[in-house]
Amino acid sequence: SYDAVSYLLIYGKMPDTGELAEFSINLRKERKV
């Protein structure tokens, strides 16, 4: 997923299931402008 690759680029490692879920939730919360 793009979220997983973004996490990898920014944090320098592949996210585990929990880390990816939290990252994706935070991204989706911030979509509105």
Full PDB file with SEQRES, HELIX, SHEET, SSBOND, CRYST1, ORIGX, SCALE, CONECT and MASTER records, all heavy atoms in Angstrom:
SEQRES   1 A   33  SER TYR ASP ALA VAL SER TYR LEU LEU ILE TYR GLY LYS          
SEQRES   2 A   33  MET PRO ASP THR GLY GLU LEU ALA GLU PHE SER ILE ASN          
SEQRES   3 A   33  LEU ARG LYS GLU ARG LYS VAL                                  
HELIX    1 AA1 TYR A    2  TYR A   11  1                                  10    
HELIX    2 AA2 THR A   17  LYS A   29  1                                  13    
CRYST1    1.000    1.000    1.000  90.00  90.00  90.00 P 1           1          
ORIGX1      1.000000  0.000000  0.000000        0.00000                         
ORIGX2      0.000000  1.000000  0.000000        0.00000                         
ORIGX3      0.000000  0.000000  1.000000        0.00000                         
SCALE1      1.000000  0.000000  0.000000        0.00000                         
SCALE2      0.000000  1.000000  0.000000        0.00000                         
SCALE3      0.000000  0.000000  1.000000        0.00000                         
ATOM      1  N   SER A   1       0.846  -1.191   0.000  1.00  0.00           N  
ATOM      2  CA  SER A   1       0.000   0.000   0.000  1.00  0.00           C  
ATOM      3  C   SER A   1       0.882   1.242   0.000  1.00  0.00           C  
ATOM      4  O   SER A   1       2.038   1.204   0.452  1.00  0.00           O  
ATOM      5  CB  SER A   1      -0.906   0.018   1.230  1.00  0.00           C  
ATOM      6  OG  SER A   1      -0.138   0.224   2.410  1.00  0.00           O  
ATOM      7  N   TYR A   2       0.327   2.350  -0.479  1.00  0.00           N  
ATOM      8  CA  TYR A   2       1.095   3.598  -0.449  1.00  0.00           C  
ATOM      9  C   TYR A   2       1.394   4.016   0.982  1.00  0.00           C  
ATOM     10  O   TYR A   2       2.470   4.553   1.270  1.00  0.00           O  
ATOM     11  CB  TYR A   2       0.343   4.706  -1.183  1.00  0.00           C  
ATOM     12  CG  TYR A   2       1.099   6.016  -1.195  1.00  0.00           C  
ATOM     13  CD1 TYR A   2       2.238   6.173  -1.978  1.00  0.00           C  
ATOM     14  CD2 TYR A   2       0.694   7.094  -0.408  1.00  0.00           C  
ATOM     15  CE1 TYR A   2       2.951   7.371  -1.988  1.00  0.00           C  
ATOM     16  CE2 TYR A   2       1.397   8.294  -0.406  1.00  0.00           C  
ATOM     17  CZ  TYR A   2       2.523   8.420  -1.194  1.00  0.00           C  
ATOM     18  OH  TYR A   2       3.238   9.598  -1.187  1.00  0.00           O  
ATOM     19  N   ASP A   3       0.456   3.768   1.889  1.00  0.00           N  
ATOM     20  CA  ASP A   3       0.684   4.109   3.291  1.00  0.00           C  
ATOM     21  C   ASP A   3       1.915   3.385   3.836  1.00  0.00           C  
ATOM     22  O   ASP A   3       2.741   3.981   4.535  1.00  0.00           O  
ATOM     23  CB  ASP A   3      -0.534   3.742   4.141  1.00  0.00           C  
ATOM     24  CG  ASP A   3      -1.741   4.618   3.868  1.00  0.00           C  
ATOM     25  OD1 ASP A   3      -1.636   5.513   3.000  1.00  0.00           O  
ATOM     26  OD2 ASP A   3      -2.779   4.414   4.510  1.00  0.00           O  
ATOM     27  N   ALA A   4       2.048   2.094   3.510  1.00  0.00           N  
ATOM     28  CA  ALA A   4       3.182   1.311   4.003  1.00  0.00           C  
ATOM     29  C   ALA A   4       4.497   1.846   3.442  1.00  0.00           C  
ATOM     30  O   ALA A   4       5.498   1.949   4.161  1.00  0.00           O  
ATOM     31  CB  ALA A   4       3.012  -0.159   3.632  1.00  0.00           C  
ATOM     32  N   VAL A   5       4.499   2.197   2.156  1.00  0.00           N  
ATOM     33  CA  VAL A   5       5.717   2.709   1.529  1.00  0.00           C  
ATOM     34  C   VAL A   5       6.064   4.093   2.078  1.00  0.00           C  
ATOM     35  O   VAL A   5       7.235   4.413   2.305  1.00  0.00           O  
ATOM     36  CB  VAL A   5       5.566   2.740  -0.005  1.00  0.00           C  
ATOM     37  CG1 VAL A   5       6.768   3.401  -0.662  1.00  0.00           C  
ATOM     38  CG2 VAL A   5       5.392   1.321  -0.540  1.00  0.00           C  
ATOM     39  N   SER A   6       5.060   4.918   2.321  1.00  0.00           N  
ATOM     40  CA  SER A   6       5.304   6.233   2.926  1.00  0.00           C  
ATOM     41  C   SER A   6       5.923   6.079   4.310  1.00  0.00           C  
ATOM     42  O   SER A   6       6.866   6.797   4.669  1.00  0.00           O  
ATOM     43  CB  SER A   6       3.993   7.023   3.048  1.00  0.00           C  
ATOM     44  OG  SER A   6       3.500   7.369   1.775  1.00  0.00           O  
ATOM     45  N   TYR A   7       5.388   5.155   5.086  1.00  0.00           N  
ATOM     46  CA  TYR A   7       5.925   4.895   6.423  1.00  0.00           C  
ATOM     47  C   TYR A   7       7.390   4.474   6.318  1.00  0.00           C  
ATOM     48  O   TYR A   7       8.246   4.952   7.073  1.00  0.00           O  
ATOM     49  CB  TYR A   7       5.101   3.805   7.108  1.00  0.00           C  
ATOM     50  CG  TYR A   7       5.440   3.602   8.574  1.00  0.00           C  
ATOM     51  CD1 TYR A   7       4.634   4.147   9.574  1.00  0.00           C  
ATOM     52  CD2 TYR A   7       6.558   2.861   8.963  1.00  0.00           C  
ATOM     53  CE1 TYR A   7       4.947   3.966  10.917  1.00  0.00           C  
ATOM     54  CE2 TYR A   7       6.874   2.690  10.296  1.00  0.00           C  
ATOM     55  CZ  TYR A   7       6.068   3.234  11.279  1.00  0.00           C  
ATOM     56  OH  TYR A   7       6.376   3.056  12.607  1.00  0.00           O  
ATOM     57  N   LEU A   8       7.677   3.574   5.392  1.00  0.00           N  
ATOM     58  CA  LEU A   8       9.048   3.105   5.183  1.00  0.00           C  
ATOM     59  C   LEU A   8       9.979   4.274   4.867  1.00  0.00           C  
ATOM     60  O   LEU A   8      11.070   4.390   5.446  1.00  0.00           O  
ATOM     61  CB  LEU A   8       9.076   2.091   4.036  1.00  0.00           C  
ATOM     62  CG  LEU A   8      10.461   1.694   3.495  1.00  0.00           C  
ATOM     63  CD1 LEU A   8      11.218   0.863   4.516  1.00  0.00           C  
ATOM     64  CD2 LEU A   8      10.314   0.936   2.177  1.00  0.00           C  
ATOM     65  N   LEU A   9       9.574   5.140   3.953  1.00  0.00           N  
ATOM     66  CA  LEU A   9      10.419   6.262   3.547  1.00  0.00           C  
ATOM     67  C   LEU A   9      10.661   7.228   4.698  1.00  0.00           C  
ATOM     68  O   LEU A   9      11.782   7.703   4.904  1.00  0.00           O  
ATOM     69  CB  LEU A   9       9.784   6.997   2.365  1.00  0.00           C  
ATOM     70  CG  LEU A   9       9.811   6.259   1.023  1.00  0.00           C  
ATOM     71  CD1 LEU A   9       8.919   6.960   0.007  1.00  0.00           C  
ATOM     72  CD2 LEU A   9      11.237   6.161   0.489  1.00  0.00           C  
ATOM     73  N   ILE A  10       9.619   7.512   5.458  1.00  0.00           N  
ATOM     74  CA  ILE A  10       9.711   8.541   6.493  1.00  0.00           C  
ATOM     75  C   ILE A  10      10.390   8.025   7.763  1.00  0.00           C  
ATOM     76  O   ILE A  10      11.234   8.709   8.347  1.00  0.00           O  
ATOM     77  CB  ILE A  10       8.306   9.090   6.807  1.00  0.00           C  
ATOM     78  CG1 ILE A  10       7.794   9.876   5.587  1.00  0.00           C  
ATOM     79  CG2 ILE A  10       8.320   9.976   8.052  1.00  0.00           C  
ATOM     80  CD1 ILE A  10       6.327  10.045   5.528  1.00  0.00           C  
ATOM     81  N   TYR A  11      10.045   6.817   8.169  1.00  0.00           N  
ATOM     82  CA  TYR A  11      10.568   6.286   9.436  1.00  0.00           C  
ATOM     83  C   TYR A  11      11.758   5.341   9.259  1.00  0.00           C  
ATOM     84  O   TYR A  11      12.369   4.935  10.250  1.00  0.00           O  
ATOM     85  CB  TYR A  11       9.454   5.582  10.204  1.00  0.00           C  
ATOM     86  CG  TYR A  11       8.375   6.536  10.678  1.00  0.00           C  
ATOM     87  CD1 TYR A  11       7.151   6.613  10.001  1.00  0.00           C  
ATOM     88  CD2 TYR A  11       8.585   7.372  11.764  1.00  0.00           C  
ATOM     89  CE1 TYR A  11       6.166   7.494  10.423  1.00  0.00           C  
ATOM     90  CE2 TYR A  11       7.600   8.252  12.187  1.00  0.00           C  
ATOM     91  CZ  TYR A  11       6.398   8.311  11.512  1.00  0.00           C  
ATOM     92  OH  TYR A  11       5.410   9.195  11.915  1.00  0.00           O  
ATOM     93  N   GLY A  12      12.065   4.971   8.024  1.00  0.00           N  
ATOM     94  CA  GLY A  12      13.255   4.179   7.786  1.00  0.00           C  
ATOM     95  C   GLY A  12      13.112   2.693   8.010  1.00  0.00           C  
ATOM     96  O   GLY A  12      14.111   1.961   7.975  1.00  0.00           O  
ATOM     97  N   LYS A  13      11.906   2.213   8.211  1.00  0.00           N  
ATOM     98  CA  LYS A  13      11.679   0.776   8.402  1.00  0.00           C  
ATOM     99  C   LYS A  13      10.263   0.423   7.980  1.00  0.00           C  
ATOM    100  O   LYS A  13       9.373   1.281   7.947  1.00  0.00           O  
ATOM    101  CB  LYS A  13      11.885   0.381   9.863  1.00  0.00           C  
ATOM    102  CG  LYS A  13      10.829   0.888  10.835  1.00  0.00           C  
ATOM    103  CD  LYS A  13      11.165   0.480  12.258  1.00  0.00           C  
ATOM    104  CE  LYS A  13      10.021   0.807  13.232  1.00  0.00           C  
ATOM    105  NZ  LYS A  13       8.864  -0.080  13.065  1.00  0.00           N  
ATOM    106  N   MET A  14      10.052  -0.850   7.669  1.00  0.00           N  
ATOM    107  CA  MET A  14       8.701  -1.303   7.336  1.00  0.00           C  
ATOM    108  C   MET A  14       7.853  -1.329   8.602  1.00  0.00           C  
ATOM    109  O   MET A  14       8.313  -1.787   9.649  1.00  0.00           O  
ATOM    110  CB  MET A  14       8.745  -2.701   6.711  1.00  0.00           C  
ATOM    111  CG  MET A  14       9.274  -2.730   5.288  1.00  0.00           C  
ATOM    112  SD  MET A  14       8.281  -1.746   4.124  1.00  0.00           S  
ATOM    113  CE  MET A  14       6.685  -2.541   4.271  1.00  0.00           C  
ATOM    114  N   PRO A  15       6.628  -0.851   8.529  1.00  0.00           N  
ATOM    115  CA  PRO A  15       5.772  -0.862   9.727  1.00  0.00           C  
ATOM    116  C   PRO A  15       5.241  -2.257  10.018  1.00  0.00           C  
ATOM    117  O   PRO A  15       5.009  -3.051   9.097  1.00  0.00           O  
ATOM    118  CB  PRO A  15       4.628   0.074   9.321  1.00  0.00           C  
ATOM    119  CG  PRO A  15       4.530  -0.086   7.833  1.00  0.00           C  
ATOM    120  CD  PRO A  15       5.950  -0.276   7.359  1.00  0.00           C  
ATOM    121  N   ASP A  16       5.042  -2.551  11.303  1.00  0.00           N  
ATOM    122  CA  ASP A  16       4.325  -3.781  11.634  1.00  0.00           C  
ATOM    123  C   ASP A  16       2.831  -3.497  11.485  1.00  0.00           C  
ATOM    124  O   ASP A  16       2.420  -2.367  11.166  1.00  0.00           O  
ATOM    125  CB  ASP A  16       4.687  -4.295  13.028  1.00  0.00           C  
ATOM    126  CG  ASP A  16       4.364  -3.317  14.154  1.00  0.00           C  
ATOM    127  OD1 ASP A  16       3.411  -2.521  14.001  1.00  0.00           O  
ATOM    128  OD2 ASP A  16       5.069  -3.335  15.189  1.00  0.00           O  
ATOM    129  N   THR A  17       1.990  -4.473  11.740  1.00  0.00           N  
ATOM    130  CA  THR A  17       0.547  -4.321  11.510  1.00  0.00           C  
ATOM    131  C   THR A  17      -0.041  -3.172  12.309  1.00  0.00           C  
ATOM    132  O   THR A  17      -0.810  -2.356  11.790  1.00  0.00           O  
ATOM    133  CB  THR A  17      -0.177  -5.630  11.866  1.00  0.00           C  
ATOM    134  OG1 THR A  17       0.380  -6.701  11.100  1.00  0.00           O  
ATOM    135  CG2 THR A  17      -1.671  -5.518  11.558  1.00  0.00           C  
ATOM    136  N   GLY A  18       0.349  -3.077  13.575  1.00  0.00           N  
ATOM    137  CA  GLY A  18      -0.178  -2.014  14.435  1.00  0.00           C  
ATOM    138  C   GLY A  18       0.296  -0.639  14.011  1.00  0.00           C  
ATOM    139  O   GLY A  18      -0.494   0.324  13.999  1.00  0.00           O  
ATOM    140  N   GLU A  19       1.568  -0.532  13.677  1.00  0.00           N  
ATOM    141  CA  GLU A  19       2.123   0.759  13.255  1.00  0.00           C  
ATOM    142  C   GLU A  19       1.483   1.241  11.964  1.00  0.00           C  
ATOM    143  O   GLU A  19       1.173   2.442  11.818  1.00  0.00           O  
ATOM    144  CB  GLU A  19       3.635   0.630  13.070  1.00  0.00           C  
ATOM    145  CG  GLU A  19       4.401   0.481  14.375  1.00  0.00           C  
ATOM    146  CD  GLU A  19       5.843   0.065  14.177  1.00  0.00           C  
ATOM    147  OE1 GLU A  19       6.142  -0.570  13.132  1.00  0.00           O  
ATOM    148  OE2 GLU A  19       6.674   0.355  15.066  1.00  0.00           O  
ATOM    149  N   LEU A  20       1.265   0.335  11.019  1.00  0.00           N  
ATOM    150  CA  LEU A  20       0.636   0.711   9.755  1.00  0.00           C  
ATOM    151  C   LEU A  20      -0.806   1.139   9.968  1.00  0.00           C  
ATOM    152  O   LEU A  20      -1.266   2.134   9.384  1.00  0.00           O  
ATOM    153  CB  LEU A  20       0.698  -0.450   8.761  1.00  0.00           C  
ATOM    154  CG  LEU A  20       0.063  -0.193   7.395  1.00  0.00           C  
ATOM    155  CD1 LEU A  20       0.679   1.020   6.720  1.00  0.00           C  
ATOM    156  CD2 LEU A  20       0.204  -1.424   6.497  1.00  0.00           C  
ATOM    157  N   ALA A  21      -1.528   0.429  10.815  1.00  0.00           N  
ATOM    158  CA  ALA A  21      -2.927   0.762  11.091  1.00  0.00           C  
ATOM    159  C   ALA A  21      -3.025   2.166  11.700  1.00  0.00           C  
ATOM    160  O   ALA A  21      -3.872   2.978  11.291  1.00  0.00           O  
ATOM    161  CB  ALA A  21      -3.543  -0.270  12.027  1.00  0.00           C  
ATOM    162  N   GLU A  22      -2.158   2.457  12.671  1.00  0.00           N  
ATOM    163  CA  GLU A  22      -2.177   3.776  13.314  1.00  0.00           C  
ATOM    164  C   GLU A  22      -1.811   4.878  12.327  1.00  0.00           C  
ATOM    165  O   GLU A  22      -2.438   5.944  12.297  1.00  0.00           O  
ATOM    166  CB  GLU A  22      -1.207   3.786  14.495  1.00  0.00           C  
ATOM    167  CG  GLU A  22      -1.197   5.114  15.254  1.00  0.00           C  
ATOM    168  CD  GLU A  22      -0.208   5.124  16.404  1.00  0.00           C  
ATOM    169  OE1 GLU A  22       0.539   4.135  16.563  1.00  0.00           O  
ATOM    170  OE2 GLU A  22      -0.165   6.136  17.135  1.00  0.00           O  
ATOM    171  N   PHE A  23      -0.800   4.623  11.493  1.00  0.00           N  
ATOM    172  CA  PHE A  23      -0.368   5.597  10.489  1.00  0.00           C  
ATOM    173  C   PHE A  23      -1.498   5.886   9.501  1.00  0.00           C  
ATOM    174  O   PHE A  23      -1.780   7.044   9.176  1.00  0.00           O  
ATOM    175  CB  PHE A  23       0.862   5.048   9.766  1.00  0.00           C  
ATOM    176  CG  PHE A  23       1.503   6.003   8.798  1.00  0.00           C  
ATOM    177  CD1 PHE A  23       2.123   7.159   9.245  1.00  0.00           C  
ATOM    178  CD2 PHE A  23       1.513   5.733   7.431  1.00  0.00           C  
ATOM    179  CE1 PHE A  23       2.736   8.042   8.348  1.00  0.00           C  
ATOM    180  CE2 PHE A  23       2.118   6.596   6.539  1.00  0.00           C  
ATOM    181  CZ  PHE A  23       2.734   7.751   7.000  1.00  0.00           C  
ATOM    182  N   SER A  24      -2.165   4.843   9.024  1.00  0.00           N  
ATOM    183  CA  SER A  24      -3.258   5.006   8.059  1.00  0.00           C  
ATOM    184  C   SER A  24      -4.427   5.765   8.679  1.00  0.00           C  
ATOM    185  O   SER A  24      -5.029   6.637   8.025  1.00  0.00           O  
ATOM    186  CB  SER A  24      -3.729   3.637   7.561  1.00  0.00           C  
ATOM    187  OG  SER A  24      -2.727   2.998   6.808  1.00  0.00           O  
ATOM    188  N   ILE A  25      -4.743   5.455   9.934  1.00  0.00           N  
ATOM    189  CA  ILE A  25      -5.837   6.166  10.623  1.00  0.00           C  
ATOM    190  C   ILE A  25      -5.521   7.652  10.729  1.00  0.00           C  
ATOM    191  O   ILE A  25      -6.369   8.510  10.462  1.00  0.00           O  
ATOM    192  CB  ILE A  25      -6.079   5.560  12.023  1.00  0.00           C  
ATOM    193  CG1 ILE A  25      -6.746   4.186  11.890  1.00  0.00           C  
ATOM    194  CG2 ILE A  25      -6.955   6.481  12.870  1.00  0.00           C  
ATOM    195  CD1 ILE A  25      -6.801   3.397  13.189  1.00  0.00           C  
ATOM    196  N   ASN A  26      -4.293   7.968  11.099  1.00  0.00           N  
ATOM    197  CA  ASN A  26      -3.888   9.374  11.222  1.00  0.00           C  
ATOM    198  C   ASN A  26      -3.946  10.097   9.887  1.00  0.00           C  
ATOM    199  O   ASN A  26      -4.366  11.260   9.813  1.00  0.00           O  
ATOM    200  CB  ASN A  26      -2.485   9.462  11.814  1.00  0.00           C  
ATOM    201  CG  ASN A  26      -2.440   9.063  13.282  1.00  0.00           C  
ATOM    202  OD1 ASN A  26      -3.440   9.160  13.984  1.00  0.00           O  
ATOM    203  ND2 ASN A  26      -1.280   8.626  13.745  1.00  0.00           N  
ATOM    204  N   LEU A  27      -3.533   9.430   8.817  1.00  0.00           N  
ATOM    205  CA  LEU A  27      -3.616  10.036   7.487  1.00  0.00           C  
ATOM    206  C   LEU A  27      -5.067  10.317   7.099  1.00  0.00           C  
ATOM    207  O   LEU A  27      -5.391  11.397   6.590  1.00  0.00           O  
ATOM    208  CB  LEU A  27      -2.974   9.116   6.442  1.00  0.00           C  
ATOM    209  CG  LEU A  27      -1.449   9.058   6.385  1.00  0.00           C  
ATOM    210  CD1 LEU A  27      -0.990   7.981   5.407  1.00  0.00           C  
ATOM    211  CD2 LEU A  27      -0.856  10.405   5.978  1.00  0.00           C  
ATOM    212  N   ARG A  28      -5.925   9.351   7.336  1.00  0.00           N  
ATOM    213  CA  ARG A  28      -7.328   9.517   6.928  1.00  0.00           C  
ATOM    214  C   ARG A  28      -8.030  10.603   7.736  1.00  0.00           C  
ATOM    215  O   ARG A  28      -8.940  11.270   7.225  1.00  0.00           O  
ATOM    216  CB  ARG A  28      -8.058   8.172   7.049  1.00  0.00           C  
ATOM    217  CG  ARG A  28      -7.499   7.144   6.073  1.00  0.00           C  
ATOM    218  CD  ARG A  28      -8.168   5.779   6.174  1.00  0.00           C  
ATOM    219  NE  ARG A  28      -7.395   4.778   5.427  1.00  0.00           N  
ATOM    220  CZ  ARG A  28      -7.902   3.683   4.901  1.00  0.00           C  
ATOM    221  NH1 ARG A  28      -9.193   3.418   5.039  1.00  0.00           N  
ATOM    222  NH2 ARG A  28      -7.133   2.835   4.242  1.00  0.00           N  
ATOM    223  N   LYS A  29      -7.617  10.816   8.977  1.00  0.00           N  
ATOM    224  CA  LYS A  29      -8.190  11.872   9.811  1.00  0.00           C  
ATOM    225  C   LYS A  29      -7.832  13.261   9.288  1.00  0.00           C  
ATOM    226  O   LYS A  29      -8.555  14.228   9.542  1.00  0.00           O  
ATOM    227  CB  LYS A  29      -7.675  11.742  11.250  1.00  0.00           C  
ATOM    228  CG  LYS A  29      -8.327  10.641  12.061  1.00  0.00           C  
ATOM    229  CD  LYS A  29      -7.710  10.620  13.470  1.00  0.00           C  
ATOM    230  CE  LYS A  29      -8.322   9.523  14.332  1.00  0.00           C  
ATOM    231  NZ  LYS A  29      -7.665   9.468  15.669  1.00  0.00           N  
ATOM    232  N   GLU A  30      -6.710  13.367   8.576  1.00  0.00           N  
ATOM    233  CA  GLU A  30      -6.205  14.671   8.153  1.00  0.00           C  
ATOM    234  C   GLU A  30      -6.488  14.991   6.683  1.00  0.00           C  
ATOM    235  O   GLU A  30      -5.932  15.943   6.136  1.00  0.00           O  
ATOM    236  CB  GLU A  30      -4.693  14.748   8.399  1.00  0.00           C  
ATOM    237  CG  GLU A  30      -4.304  14.727   9.865  1.00  0.00           C  
ATOM    238  CD  GLU A  30      -4.667  16.020  10.594  1.00  0.00           C  
ATOM    239  OE1 GLU A  30      -5.105  16.987   9.930  1.00  0.00           O  
ATOM    240  OE2 GLU A  30      -4.522  16.063  11.822  1.00  0.00           O  
ATOM    241  N   ARG A  31      -7.351  14.223   6.038  1.00  0.00           N  
ATOM    242  CA  ARG A  31      -7.603  14.445   4.614  1.00  0.00           C  
ATOM    243  C   ARG A  31      -8.388  15.719   4.315  1.00  0.00           C  
ATOM    244  O   ARG A  31      -8.209  16.336   3.262  1.00  0.00           O  
ATOM    245  CB  ARG A  31      -8.360  13.239   4.020  1.00  0.00           C  
ATOM    246  CG  ARG A  31      -7.483  12.027   3.792  1.00  0.00           C  
ATOM    247  CD  ARG A  31      -8.310  10.836   3.341  1.00  0.00           C  
ATOM    248  NE  ARG A  31      -7.474   9.682   2.998  1.00  0.00           N  
ATOM    249  CZ  ARG A  31      -7.944   8.470   2.748  1.00  0.00           C  
ATOM    250  NH1 ARG A  31      -9.266   8.248   2.780  1.00  0.00           N  
ATOM    251  NH2 ARG A  31      -7.111   7.484   2.440  1.00  0.00           N  
ATOM    252  N   LYS A  32      -9.260  16.119   5.225  1.00  0.00           N  
ATOM    253  CA  LYS A  32     -10.064  17.315   4.976  1.00  0.00           C  
ATOM    254  C   LYS A  32      -9.187  18.562   5.038  1.00  0.00           C  
ATOM    255  O   LYS A  32      -8.245  18.632   5.811  1.00  0.00           O  
ATOM    256  CB  LYS A  32     -11.194  17.411   5.992  1.00  0.00           C  
ATOM    257  CG  LYS A  32     -12.284  16.363   5.803  1.00  0.00           C  
ATOM    258  CD  LYS A  32     -13.431  16.585   6.778  1.00  0.00           C  
ATOM    259  CE  LYS A  32     -14.539  15.557   6.567  1.00  0.00           C  
ATOM    260  NZ  LYS A  32     -15.664  15.748   7.516  1.00  0.00           N  
ATOM    261  N   VAL A  33      -9.522  19.539   4.193  1.00  0.00           N  
ATOM    262  CA  VAL A  33      -8.773  20.796   4.188  1.00  0.00           C  
ATOM    263  C   VAL A  33      -9.641  21.921   4.729  1.00  0.00           C  
ATOM    264  O   VAL A  33     -10.878  21.834   4.745  1.00  0.00           O  
ATOM    265  CB  VAL A  33      -8.268  21.140   2.766  1.00  0.00           C  
ATOM    266  CG1 VAL A  33      -7.323  20.070   2.258  1.00  0.00           C  
ATOM    267  CG2 VAL A  33      -9.433  21.333   1.797  1.00  0.00           C  
TER     268      VAL A  33                                                      
MASTER        0    0    0    2    0    0    0    6  267    1    0    3          
END                                                                             
